[in-house]
Amino acid sequence: MNTPAPIKAQSCADAPVLKERGQREVFCGLTGIIWLHRKMQDAFFLVVGSRTCAHLLQSAAGVMIFAEPRFGTAILEETDLAGMADANDELDREVARLLSRRPDIKQLFLVGSCPSEVIKLDLARAAERLTTAHAPHVRVLNYSGSGIETTFTQGEDACLAAMVPVLKESQARELVLVGALPDVVEDQAVTLLSEMGIGPIRVLPSSRAEGAPEIGENTVFACLQPFLGDTTAALERRGARRITAPFPFGEEGTTLWLRAIADEFGVDDATFARVTDAPRARARKAIENASAALRGKSVFFMPDSQLEIPLARFLTRECGMEAVEIGAPYIHRGLVGPDLALIPEGPRISEGQDVDVQLDRVRAARPDLTVCGLGLANPLEAEGLSTKWAIELVFTPVHFYEQAGDLAGLFSRPLRRRAILEQGAAR
């Protein structure tokens, strides 16, 4: 049943998009620091924001108060917000104190927040000033993690896009994998490609500054995440060329993603089959076992992470689900177009959010599963609807063959849990 379903004459690539602009329910881009600081071993993320920003990071990261994580907050006090103190002087002092205490830092990110943007604190100029002061030991960059106009995964996009202009120039033909993944999953991707004879392979972001990729007109890159629109544009401005493919979720998505890269590097069919046949078979079996509870069930995606379209492709094509609506905060057709083209015509495609209106559609449709943010999940559960936290799909290893069964399991678990609760209530 997990064999990709036949595609109808038309797909969601041709579907009209319902564009909504209203109240939104999303985390801010600061959330991206939680996985980026684990990935980049010699980087530090200094949020220029309020105590609310600090509390968000502390609670979301689950870091003990006496730990030394690779992120922190330069608190904007009332005097800063009122213009009674020079925030730049205070920022310089905090950065100098931090770097004197943490000589292991090679990259320092000044991360803007809602408060710093409201008072128009120019962090780009501050980053240039601090780079001059602390070079060559530390490079200081900046990006916005504000949630005023963005969704939470755009924090990673803004961070990686800020790194691209300072990457070294290279004319070598290399493959760059773009997007932060857990090390174990990244290793799987690199191993599969290396076994096909593809290389050199670089990763953005790299675990250390010295291992950062070099970019030029002979660079080709493949995105690992569908929310990297700004990073893609920045790489293309440097002359790099993107390999277009569906995203590597599930057996089908992973195979198509690998096949697109293999074609770019002239890998023959026999080599591709030798490398992928065994993991493909394992993935198909794992999906079949994990998706039994999903077959024939309906799913409704509220806009949250920008993973919605590739995940909907996985659930409808490989797990036998029917999508009622696929909502995304922003639809970058250049990135998710290949996934849209694989989803059979039928579900409503929506971009942006008007949360009350969308909740009305959820209640009218009564889907078997609603994928949504944390703030909406509990109220919907109280109304008898099964939900899946969208943010868990970002924090959990879900890419490539070996995680395909786990990905299906993340969606089937809420349905199995509700079935057990209903059986208990009936006794």
Protein backbone atom coordinates (compact mmCIF):
# COMPACT_ATOMS: atom_id res chain seq x y z
CA MET A 1 0.00 0.00 0.00
CA ASN A 2 3.01 2.25 0.45
CA THR A 3 3.84 1.96 -3.28
CA PRO A 4 3.46 5.45 -4.80
CA ALA A 5 -0.08 5.88 -6.07
CA PRO A 6 -0.66 6.58 -9.78
CA ILE A 7 -0.87 10.29 -10.57
CA LYS A 8 -4.09 11.67 -12.03
CA ALA A 9 -4.11 13.67 -15.23
CA GLN A 10 -3.71 16.85 -13.20
CA SER A 11 -1.77 17.42 -10.01
CA CYS A 12 -1.65 20.09 -7.32
CA ALA A 13 0.91 21.91 -9.47
CA ASP A 14 -2.12 23.16 -11.44
CA ALA A 15 -4.34 23.87 -8.43
CA PRO A 16 -5.35 27.42 -7.54
CA VAL A 17 -3.86 28.71 -4.29
CA LEU A 18 -6.10 30.24 -1.63
CA LYS A 19 -4.13 33.17 -0.21
CA GLU A 20 -5.05 34.20 3.31
CA ARG A 21 -3.87 37.17 5.32
CA GLY A 22 -5.01 37.39 8.91
CA GLN A 23 -4.10 36.37 12.43
CA ARG A 24 -1.28 33.80 12.53
CA GLU A 25 -0.26 31.18 15.10
CA VAL A 26 3.46 30.45 14.74
CA PHE A 27 6.70 30.46 16.70
CA CYS A 28 9.29 33.12 15.86
CA GLY A 29 12.55 32.58 14.00
CA LEU A 30 14.56 32.49 17.22
CA THR A 31 13.43 28.87 17.54
CA GLY A 32 15.88 27.89 14.79
CA ILE A 33 18.74 28.57 17.19
CA ILE A 34 17.73 25.44 19.11
CA TRP A 35 18.92 23.13 16.34
CA LEU A 36 21.52 25.42 14.74
CA HIS A 37 23.58 25.84 17.92
CA ARG A 38 23.87 22.07 18.19
CA LYS A 39 24.97 21.76 14.59
CA MET A 40 27.60 24.52 14.49
CA GLN A 41 30.14 23.58 17.10
CA ASP A 42 32.23 26.79 17.10
CA ALA A 43 29.40 29.29 16.62
CA PHE A 44 27.55 31.39 19.19
CA PHE A 45 24.11 32.94 18.74
CA LEU A 46 23.65 36.16 20.66
CA VAL A 47 20.02 37.27 20.58
CA VAL A 48 19.61 41.02 20.95
CA GLY A 49 16.19 41.07 22.56
CA SER A 50 14.04 41.10 25.65
CA ARG A 51 13.68 38.82 28.64
CA THR A 52 10.81 37.16 26.80
CA CYS A 53 13.28 36.11 24.09
CA ALA A 54 15.58 34.68 26.75
CA HIS A 55 12.74 32.74 28.39
CA LEU A 56 11.65 31.33 25.02
CA LEU A 57 15.12 30.00 24.24
CA GLN A 58 15.70 28.68 27.74
CA SER A 59 12.43 26.77 27.86
CA ALA A 60 12.47 25.56 24.26
CA ALA A 61 16.07 24.33 24.44
CA GLY A 62 15.68 22.67 27.83
CA VAL A 63 19.16 23.84 28.84
CA MET A 64 19.97 23.85 32.53
CA ILE A 65 20.68 27.27 33.97
CA PHE A 66 24.28 26.41 34.85
CA ALA A 67 25.07 24.89 31.45
CA GLU A 68 27.18 26.68 28.85
CA PRO A 69 25.17 26.47 25.63
CA ARG A 70 26.24 28.20 22.43
CA PHE A 71 23.52 30.82 22.62
CA GLY A 72 22.53 33.66 24.91
CA THR A 73 20.58 36.90 25.05
CA ALA A 74 21.84 40.47 25.26
CA ILE A 75 18.88 41.90 27.18
CA LEU A 76 17.45 45.19 25.98
CA GLU A 77 16.45 46.97 29.17
CA GLU A 78 13.91 49.77 29.57
CA THR A 79 16.63 52.40 29.14
CA ASP A 80 17.62 50.88 25.78
CA LEU A 81 14.05 50.74 24.56
CA ALA A 82 13.42 54.32 25.66
CA GLY A 83 16.56 55.59 23.92
CA MET A 84 18.15 56.65 27.22
CA ALA A 85 21.23 54.46 26.71
CA ASP A 86 23.44 53.75 23.72
CA ALA A 87 22.50 50.18 22.84
CA ASN A 88 25.51 49.88 20.52
CA ASP A 89 27.98 50.65 23.30
CA GLU A 90 26.31 48.11 25.55
CA LEU A 91 26.29 45.51 22.77
CA ASP A 92 30.01 46.03 22.11
CA ARG A 93 30.73 45.60 25.80
CA GLU A 94 28.68 42.39 26.03
CA VAL A 95 30.36 40.90 22.94
CA ALA A 96 33.84 41.71 24.27
CA ARG A 97 32.96 40.07 27.58
CA LEU A 98 31.56 36.99 25.85
CA LEU A 99 34.55 36.49 23.55
CA SER A 100 37.05 36.92 26.36
CA ARG A 101 35.28 34.16 28.29
CA ARG A 102 34.65 31.87 25.29
CA PRO A 103 37.80 31.78 23.11
CA ASP A 104 36.39 28.74 21.26
CA ILE A 105 33.91 30.96 19.37
CA LYS A 106 34.84 31.41 15.70
CA GLN A 107 31.50 32.64 14.37
CA LEU A 108 29.27 35.01 16.30
CA PHE A 109 25.72 35.65 15.09
CA LEU A 110 23.92 38.77 16.25
CA VAL A 111 20.29 37.69 16.04
CA GLY A 112 17.69 40.41 15.73
CA SER A 113 14.36 40.15 17.54
CA CYS A 114 11.08 42.02 17.64
CA PRO A 115 12.38 44.52 20.27
CA SER A 116 15.66 45.24 18.46
CA GLU A 117 13.82 45.77 15.19
CA VAL A 118 11.21 48.03 16.79
CA ILE A 119 13.93 50.39 18.08
CA LYS A 120 15.73 50.17 14.71
CA LEU A 121 18.99 48.85 16.12
CA ASP A 122 21.29 48.40 13.10
CA LEU A 123 22.78 44.98 13.75
CA ALA A 124 24.26 44.75 10.25
CA ARG A 125 26.47 47.75 10.96
CA ALA A 126 27.21 46.41 14.44
CA ALA A 127 28.36 43.10 12.92
CA GLU A 128 30.74 44.94 10.56
CA ARG A 129 32.14 46.99 13.44
CA LEU A 130 32.61 43.96 15.69
CA THR A 131 34.19 41.88 12.91
CA THR A 132 36.80 44.62 12.46
CA ALA A 133 37.41 44.73 16.20
CA HIS A 134 37.76 40.98 16.70
CA ALA A 135 39.21 39.76 13.37
CA PRO A 136 40.75 37.44 12.40
CA HIS A 137 39.81 35.23 15.33
CA VAL A 138 36.05 35.77 15.06
CA ARG A 139 33.71 36.63 12.22
CA VAL A 140 30.53 38.42 13.31
CA LEU A 141 27.39 38.06 11.18
CA ASN A 142 23.79 39.08 11.74
CA TYR A 143 20.31 37.96 10.76
CA SER A 144 16.75 38.50 11.92
CA GLY A 145 14.93 35.99 14.08
CA SER A 146 11.94 38.28 14.57
CA GLY A 147 8.52 36.69 14.36
CA ILE A 148 6.75 39.83 13.19
CA GLU A 149 6.50 38.77 9.54
CA THR A 150 7.99 35.26 9.45
CA THR A 151 7.47 31.69 10.58
CA PHE A 152 9.92 29.87 12.82
CA THR A 153 11.85 27.84 10.22
CA GLN A 154 12.82 31.04 8.43
CA GLY A 155 15.28 31.61 11.25
CA GLU A 156 17.51 28.91 9.77
CA ASP A 157 17.00 30.32 6.28
CA ALA A 158 18.04 33.80 7.42
CA CYS A 159 21.08 32.42 9.24
CA LEU A 160 22.38 30.41 6.28
CA ALA A 161 21.65 33.25 3.86
CA ALA A 162 23.77 35.55 6.05
CA MET A 163 26.68 33.12 5.77
CA VAL A 164 26.69 32.82 1.98
CA PRO A 165 28.21 36.23 1.05
CA VAL A 166 31.31 35.59 3.18
CA LEU A 167 32.01 32.06 1.90
CA LYS A 168 35.27 31.80 -0.02
CA GLU A 169 35.31 31.74 -3.81
CA SER A 170 36.08 28.49 -5.62
CA GLN A 171 36.01 27.35 -9.24
CA ALA A 172 36.04 23.65 -8.31
CA ARG A 173 33.07 21.49 -9.25
CA GLU A 174 31.59 20.46 -5.91
CA LEU A 175 28.25 19.42 -4.47
CA VAL A 176 26.91 21.37 -1.50
CA LEU A 177 24.09 19.98 0.63
CA VAL A 178 22.16 22.91 2.09
CA GLY A 179 20.23 22.69 5.35
CA ALA A 180 20.86 21.60 8.93
CA LEU A 181 20.25 17.92 9.70
CA PRO A 182 21.15 15.77 12.71
CA ASP A 183 24.67 14.39 12.23
CA VAL A 184 23.50 10.80 11.89
CA VAL A 185 21.11 11.69 9.06
CA GLU A 186 23.64 13.93 7.32
CA ASP A 187 26.14 11.06 7.45
CA GLN A 188 23.61 8.77 5.75
CA ALA A 189 23.12 11.25 2.90
CA VAL A 190 26.85 11.77 2.39
CA THR A 191 27.51 8.02 2.51
CA LEU A 192 24.88 7.22 -0.12
CA LEU A 193 26.21 9.88 -2.48
CA SER A 194 29.85 8.97 -1.86
CA GLU A 195 29.16 5.32 -2.64
CA MET A 196 27.90 6.44 -6.05
CA GLY A 197 31.24 8.13 -6.65
CA ILE A 198 29.91 11.67 -6.19
CA GLY A 199 32.24 14.21 -4.61
CA PRO A 200 33.65 16.35 -3.19
CA ILE A 201 30.61 16.90 -0.95
CA ARG A 202 30.34 19.91 1.36
CA VAL A 203 27.58 20.85 3.80
CA LEU A 204 26.09 24.22 4.73
CA PRO A 205 26.09 24.74 7.65
CA SER A 206 29.30 22.91 8.47
CA SER A 207 30.04 21.84 12.02
CA ARG A 208 33.04 24.20 12.16
CA ALA A 209 33.88 27.45 10.38
CA GLU A 210 37.05 26.03 8.85
CA GLY A 211 34.99 23.37 7.05
CA ALA A 212 32.61 25.82 5.38
CA PRO A 213 32.02 25.18 1.68
CA GLU A 214 33.52 27.39 -1.01
CA ILE A 215 31.17 28.69 -3.69
CA GLY A 216 31.52 29.58 -7.35
CA GLU A 217 30.07 29.11 -10.81
CA ASN A 218 30.91 25.39 -10.84
CA THR A 219 29.15 24.72 -7.53
CA VAL A 220 25.92 22.73 -7.62
CA PHE A 221 23.74 22.46 -4.55
CA ALA A 222 20.75 20.48 -3.33
CA CYS A 223 18.44 21.73 -0.60
CA LEU A 224 17.61 19.41 2.26
CA GLN A 225 14.81 21.61 3.63
CA PRO A 226 11.93 23.29 1.74
CA PHE A 227 12.13 26.56 3.69
CA LEU A 228 15.50 27.79 2.36
CA GLY A 229 14.30 30.31 -0.21
CA ASP A 230 16.59 33.19 0.83
CA THR A 231 19.60 30.87 1.08
CA THR A 232 18.87 29.52 -2.38
CA ALA A 233 18.72 33.03 -3.81
CA ALA A 234 21.98 33.98 -2.06
CA LEU A 235 23.79 30.93 -3.46
CA GLU A 236 22.49 31.58 -6.96
CA ARG A 237 23.74 35.17 -6.74
CA ARG A 238 27.19 33.68 -6.09
CA GLY A 239 26.87 31.67 -9.31
CA ALA A 240 25.94 28.30 -7.81
CA ARG A 241 23.26 26.19 -9.52
CA ARG A 242 20.48 24.34 -7.70
CA ILE A 243 19.55 20.73 -8.44
CA THR A 244 15.75 20.58 -8.58
CA ALA A 245 14.06 17.58 -6.95
CA PRO A 246 11.37 16.56 -4.47
CA PHE A 247 12.58 16.62 -0.86
CA PRO A 248 14.01 13.44 0.70
CA PHE A 249 11.05 12.41 2.87
CA GLY A 250 10.07 8.75 2.57
CA GLU A 251 11.29 6.19 0.06
CA GLU A 252 9.94 7.94 -3.02
CA GLY A 253 11.16 11.43 -2.12
CA THR A 254 14.60 10.19 -1.10
CA THR A 255 14.99 8.16 -4.29
CA LEU A 256 13.97 11.07 -6.54
CA TRP A 257 16.26 13.46 -4.63
CA LEU A 258 19.23 11.09 -4.97
CA ARG A 259 18.37 10.35 -8.61
CA ALA A 260 18.45 14.06 -9.52
CA ILE A 261 21.92 14.43 -8.01
CA ALA A 262 23.09 11.18 -9.60
CA ASP A 263 21.94 12.40 -13.02
CA GLU A 264 23.83 15.66 -12.53
CA PHE A 265 27.04 13.73 -11.87
CA GLY A 266 26.53 11.08 -14.56
CA VAL A 267 25.94 8.08 -12.28
CA ASP A 268 24.78 5.05 -14.27
CA ASP A 269 21.65 3.06 -13.45
CA ALA A 270 23.56 -0.02 -12.26
CA THR A 271 25.57 1.98 -9.73
CA PHE A 272 22.48 3.82 -8.53
CA ALA A 273 20.63 0.54 -8.03
CA ARG A 274 23.58 -1.07 -6.23
CA VAL A 275 23.71 1.76 -3.71
CA THR A 276 19.97 2.33 -3.18
CA ASP A 277 18.16 -0.99 -3.69
CA ALA A 278 18.73 -2.34 -0.17
CA PRO A 279 17.87 0.85 1.77
CA ARG A 280 14.88 1.43 -0.53
CA ALA A 281 13.53 -2.01 0.33
CA ARG A 282 14.03 -1.38 4.05
CA ALA A 283 12.27 1.97 3.77
CA ARG A 284 9.28 0.51 1.91
CA LYS A 285 8.88 -2.24 4.51
CA ALA A 286 9.20 0.20 7.41
CA ILE A 287 6.61 2.54 5.90
CA GLU A 288 4.22 -0.32 5.25
CA ASN A 289 4.44 -1.44 8.88
CA ALA A 290 4.17 2.05 10.36
CA SER A 291 1.42 3.41 8.10
CA ALA A 292 -1.24 0.76 8.67
CA ALA A 293 -3.22 3.19 10.84
CA LEU A 294 -2.98 5.92 8.18
CA ARG A 295 -4.44 4.18 5.15
CA GLY A 296 -7.71 5.68 4.01
CA LYS A 297 -7.55 8.43 6.66
CA SER A 298 -7.81 12.17 5.98
CA VAL A 299 -5.24 14.81 6.94
CA PHE A 300 -5.46 18.60 7.20
CA PHE A 301 -2.26 20.70 7.27
CA MET A 302 -2.40 24.04 9.06
CA PRO A 303 0.41 26.40 7.93
CA ASP A 304 3.35 26.25 10.32
CA SER A 305 6.78 24.90 9.31
CA GLN A 306 6.88 25.08 5.47
CA LEU A 307 7.37 21.30 5.47
CA GLU A 308 3.68 20.85 4.69
CA ILE A 309 3.81 20.24 0.94
CA PRO A 310 6.60 17.60 0.91
CA LEU A 311 5.02 15.86 3.90
CA ALA A 312 1.62 15.86 2.21
CA ARG A 313 3.23 14.26 -0.81
CA PHE A 314 4.70 11.57 1.44
CA LEU A 315 1.43 10.87 3.27
CA THR A 316 -0.77 10.75 0.17
CA ARG A 317 1.62 8.89 -2.12
CA GLU A 318 3.32 6.50 0.29
CA CYS A 319 0.98 6.12 3.27
CA GLY A 320 -2.42 6.04 1.57
CA MET A 321 -3.86 9.16 3.20
CA GLU A 322 -6.19 11.72 1.64
CA ALA A 323 -5.26 15.37 2.07
CA VAL A 324 -8.19 17.70 2.71
CA GLU A 325 -6.17 20.92 2.82
CA ILE A 326 -2.45 21.63 2.57
CA GLY A 327 -1.71 24.98 4.15
CA ALA A 328 1.77 26.52 4.16
CA PRO A 329 3.00 29.87 5.53
CA TYR A 330 4.68 30.57 2.20
CA ILE A 331 4.80 28.54 -1.02
CA HIS A 332 8.12 28.81 -2.86
CA ARG A 333 7.24 27.05 -6.11
CA GLY A 334 10.86 26.89 -7.17
CA LEU A 335 11.58 24.69 -4.16
CA VAL A 336 8.38 22.71 -3.57
CA GLY A 337 7.14 22.60 -7.16
CA PRO A 338 8.41 19.02 -7.75
CA ASP A 339 6.52 17.84 -4.65
CA LEU A 340 3.35 19.69 -5.66
CA ALA A 341 3.51 18.03 -9.07
CA LEU A 342 3.41 14.59 -7.43
CA ILE A 343 0.32 15.25 -5.27
CA PRO A 344 -2.86 14.24 -7.11
CA GLU A 345 -5.47 16.91 -7.68
CA GLY A 346 -8.01 17.23 -4.88
CA PRO A 347 -6.85 18.97 -1.71
CA ARG A 348 -7.22 22.72 -1.20
CA ILE A 349 -3.83 24.48 -1.34
CA SER A 350 -3.62 27.55 0.90
CA GLU A 351 -0.84 30.04 1.55
CA GLY A 352 -0.63 32.27 4.61
CA GLN A 353 -3.05 32.11 7.49
CA ASP A 354 -6.28 33.50 8.85
CA VAL A 355 -6.45 31.21 11.83
CA ASP A 356 -10.12 31.56 12.77
CA VAL A 357 -11.24 30.96 9.19
CA GLN A 358 -8.99 27.92 8.86
CA LEU A 359 -10.19 26.51 12.17
CA ASP A 360 -13.74 26.77 10.85
CA ARG A 361 -12.68 24.66 7.85
CA VAL A 362 -11.03 22.10 10.13
CA ARG A 363 -14.19 21.78 12.21
CA ALA A 364 -16.32 21.44 9.10
CA ALA A 365 -14.07 18.77 7.56
CA ARG A 366 -13.47 16.81 10.80
CA PRO A 367 -10.25 15.27 9.41
CA ASP A 368 -8.82 12.15 11.00
CA LEU A 369 -5.56 14.04 11.64
CA THR A 370 -4.73 17.75 11.83
CA VAL A 371 -1.10 18.84 11.61
CA CYS A 372 -0.79 22.17 13.40
CA GLY A 373 1.13 24.29 15.87
CA LEU A 374 1.27 23.70 19.61
CA GLY A 375 -1.12 26.55 20.38
CA LEU A 376 -3.90 24.99 18.30
CA ALA A 377 -3.38 21.32 19.11
CA ASN A 378 -4.85 21.16 22.62
CA PRO A 379 -8.08 23.05 21.78
CA LEU A 380 -8.64 20.77 18.79
CA GLU A 381 -7.92 17.68 20.88
CA ALA A 382 -10.54 18.89 23.36
CA GLU A 383 -13.02 18.97 20.47
CA GLY A 384 -12.31 15.33 19.69
CA LEU A 385 -9.84 15.82 16.82
CA SER A 386 -6.49 14.03 16.61
CA THR A 387 -3.54 16.35 16.06
CA LYS A 388 0.17 16.22 15.29
CA TRP A 389 2.53 18.95 16.47
CA ALA A 390 4.16 20.43 13.38
CA ILE A 391 7.26 21.55 15.26
CA GLU A 392 8.09 17.95 16.20
CA LEU A 393 8.64 17.21 12.51
CA VAL A 394 11.46 19.78 12.48
CA PHE A 395 13.20 18.57 15.65
CA THR A 396 12.97 14.84 14.84
CA PRO A 397 15.23 12.99 12.34
CA VAL A 398 12.83 12.30 9.45
CA HIS A 399 14.88 12.55 6.24
CA PHE A 400 16.14 9.73 4.01
CA TYR A 401 15.58 5.97 3.87
CA GLU A 402 16.44 4.86 7.40
CA GLN A 403 14.04 7.38 8.96
CA ALA A 404 11.13 6.75 6.57
CA GLY A 405 9.35 4.35 8.93
CA ASP A 406 9.85 6.73 11.86
CA LEU A 407 8.32 9.54 9.80
CA ALA A 408 5.19 7.50 9.10
CA GLY A 409 5.09 6.53 12.77
CA LEU A 410 5.01 10.17 13.87
CA PHE A 411 1.71 10.59 12.02
CA SER A 412 0.18 7.24 12.93
CA ARG A 413 0.89 7.54 16.66
CA PRO A 414 -1.86 10.14 17.39
CA LEU A 415 -4.42 7.97 15.57
CA ARG A 416 -3.39 4.85 17.49
CA ARG A 417 -3.51 6.79 20.75
CA ARG A 418 -7.05 8.04 20.09
CA ALA A 419 -8.19 4.53 19.13
CA ILE A 420 -6.87 3.20 22.44
CA LEU A 421 -8.58 6.00 24.39
CA GLU A 422 -11.87 5.37 22.61
CA GLN A 423 -11.66 1.65 23.33
CA GLY A 424 -11.02 2.39 26.99
CA ALA A 425 -13.95 4.79 27.17
CA ALA A 426 -16.25 2.20 25.60
CA ARG A 427 -15.56 -0.39 28.31
